[in-house]
């Protein structure tokens, strides 16, 4: 599996969340100007870990980031809780598990404010999942 195929697979798994969350955008690359609610996927740090079976055998790590608007702070937080909740139909972790992506030990972040990503100095609140898979 190539890196592009792995990323596409992860993004494809996340589209199931978009079917449950109104207006959720899923973007397979870093998105510095999202129209929330949004999920973006980009290389984690570190990005590759050798699996001991040659150069093409590796484990890959991505960051999946969710961001919500804060115009209505309670509504934005409720959405993020839904995305975090493994028992909710909008669970990001459950959607990824369908394609065998797992949350790695560094896990899932708590709420993070992203003031630099939004145009016009709006605040965005978000969470991040660090996920991995063997290629």
Protein backbone atom coordinates (compact mmCIF):
# COMPACT_ATOMS: atom_id res chain seq x y z
CA UNK A 1 0.00 0.00 0.00
CA UNK A 2 1.39 3.43 -0.91
CA UNK A 3 1.14 6.46 1.36
CA UNK A 4 -1.47 8.02 -0.94
CA UNK A 5 -3.53 4.83 -0.80
CA UNK A 6 -3.27 4.78 3.00
CA UNK A 7 -4.36 8.42 3.27
CA UNK A 8 -7.21 7.86 0.82
CA UNK A 9 -8.36 4.84 2.82
CA UNK A 10 -8.37 6.86 6.04
CA UNK A 11 -10.25 9.75 4.43
CA UNK A 12 -12.73 7.29 2.93
CA UNK A 13 -13.40 5.82 6.38
CA UNK A 14 -14.04 9.32 7.75
CA UNK A 15 -16.67 10.09 5.13
CA UNK A 16 -19.01 7.89 7.14
CA UNK A 17 -18.91 10.53 9.87
CA UNK A 18 -19.92 13.18 7.32
CA UNK A 19 -23.06 11.15 6.60
CA UNK A 20 -24.07 11.61 10.25
CA UNK A 21 -22.91 15.19 10.96
CA UNK A 22 -24.60 17.92 8.91
CA UNK A 23 -22.25 20.02 6.79
CA UNK A 24 -19.12 18.21 8.02
CA UNK A 25 -16.29 18.59 5.53
CA UNK A 26 -13.64 15.88 5.30
CA UNK A 27 -10.37 17.01 3.73
CA UNK A 28 -7.50 14.61 3.02
CA UNK A 29 -4.81 17.23 3.53
CA UNK A 30 -3.83 19.97 5.99
CA UNK A 31 -6.49 22.66 5.78
CA UNK A 32 -5.54 26.03 7.26
CA UNK A 33 -8.78 27.75 6.25
CA UNK A 34 -11.56 25.29 7.08
CA UNK A 35 -15.27 25.96 6.88
CA UNK A 36 -16.25 24.24 10.11
CA UNK A 37 -17.28 21.74 11.05
CA UNK A 38 -14.31 20.11 9.42
CA UNK A 39 -11.98 17.13 9.63
CA UNK A 40 -8.56 17.26 8.03
CA UNK A 41 -5.90 14.56 7.76
CA UNK A 42 -2.15 15.17 7.62
CA UNK A 43 1.14 13.44 8.52
CA UNK A 44 1.78 13.01 12.21
CA UNK A 45 5.17 13.42 13.86
CA UNK A 46 6.94 11.07 13.56
CA UNK A 47 5.32 10.03 10.31
CA UNK A 48 6.91 6.65 9.52
CA UNK A 49 8.22 3.91 11.75
CA UNK A 50 10.21 1.01 10.30
CA UNK A 51 8.54 -2.36 10.72
CA UNK A 52 11.74 -4.37 10.33
CA UNK A 53 10.82 -6.03 7.02
CA UNK A 54 12.60 -3.72 4.56
CA UNK A 55 12.18 -0.14 3.45
CA UNK A 56 8.64 -0.59 2.12
CA UNK A 57 7.45 -2.24 5.32
CA UNK A 58 6.46 0.55 7.65
CA UNK A 59 3.88 1.82 10.04
CA UNK A 60 2.44 5.20 9.07
CA UNK A 61 1.01 7.81 11.44
CA UNK A 62 -1.51 10.50 10.62
CA UNK A 63 -3.19 13.23 12.61
CA UNK A 64 -6.95 13.55 12.19
CA UNK A 65 -8.10 16.95 13.38
CA UNK A 66 -11.68 18.07 13.99
CA UNK A 67 -12.58 21.73 14.29
CA UNK A 68 -15.83 23.46 15.16
CA UNK A 69 -16.95 27.09 15.14
CA UNK A 70 -17.29 28.89 18.42
CA UNK A 71 -20.01 31.38 17.46
CA UNK A 72 -22.27 29.17 19.58
CA UNK A 73 -19.78 27.74 22.06
CA UNK A 74 -22.07 25.07 23.50
CA UNK A 75 -23.08 23.79 20.07
CA UNK A 76 -19.45 23.57 18.94
CA UNK A 77 -18.46 21.68 22.07
CA UNK A 78 -21.41 19.30 21.77
CA UNK A 79 -20.30 18.42 18.25
CA UNK A 80 -16.73 17.74 19.38
CA UNK A 81 -17.99 15.51 22.19
CA UNK A 82 -20.03 13.55 19.64
CA UNK A 83 -16.95 13.08 17.47
CA UNK A 84 -14.96 11.93 20.51
CA UNK A 85 -17.60 9.53 21.85
CA UNK A 86 -16.85 5.95 20.72
CA UNK A 87 -20.52 5.03 21.30
CA UNK A 88 -21.95 7.85 19.14
CA UNK A 89 -22.87 7.36 15.47
CA UNK A 90 -20.55 10.33 14.77
CA UNK A 91 -17.53 8.66 16.40
CA UNK A 92 -14.33 9.39 14.49
CA UNK A 93 -12.54 6.52 16.21
CA UNK A 94 -15.27 4.01 15.31
CA UNK A 95 -15.24 5.17 11.68
CA UNK A 96 -11.48 4.70 11.44
CA UNK A 97 -11.61 1.27 13.07
CA UNK A 98 -13.71 -0.02 10.17
CA UNK A 99 -10.62 0.41 7.97
CA UNK A 100 -8.26 -0.99 10.66
CA UNK A 101 -6.81 2.40 11.66
CA UNK A 102 -6.05 2.51 15.38
CA UNK A 103 -5.46 5.30 17.85
CA UNK A 104 -1.84 5.02 18.96
CA UNK A 105 -0.62 5.36 22.58
CA UNK A 106 -0.27 9.14 22.26
CA UNK A 107 -4.03 8.97 21.81
CA UNK A 108 -6.59 11.69 21.50
CA UNK A 109 -6.12 15.29 22.52
CA UNK A 110 -8.44 17.33 24.66
CA UNK A 111 -9.91 20.59 23.40
CA UNK A 112 -7.42 22.80 21.58
CA UNK A 113 -8.05 26.35 20.38
CA UNK A 114 -6.92 27.10 16.83
CA UNK A 115 -6.90 30.88 16.55
CA UNK A 116 -4.36 31.03 13.71
CA UNK A 117 -6.28 28.83 11.26
CA UNK A 118 -9.41 30.90 10.93
CA UNK A 119 -9.84 33.88 8.63
CA UNK A 120 -11.05 37.11 10.26
CA UNK A 121 -9.65 36.12 13.68
CA UNK A 122 -12.44 33.72 14.57
CA UNK A 123 -11.71 31.09 17.17
CA UNK A 124 -11.98 27.43 16.26
CA UNK A 125 -12.07 24.71 18.88
CA UNK A 126 -10.90 21.24 18.03
CA UNK A 127 -9.51 17.86 18.97
CA UNK A 128 -6.92 15.59 17.38
CA UNK A 129 -6.53 11.85 17.00
CA UNK A 130 -3.09 10.35 16.38
CA UNK A 131 -3.66 7.20 14.37
CA UNK A 132 -1.51 4.56 12.78
CA UNK A 133 -1.51 1.52 10.56
CA UNK A 134 1.02 -0.90 9.06
CA UNK A 135 1.29 -0.44 5.31
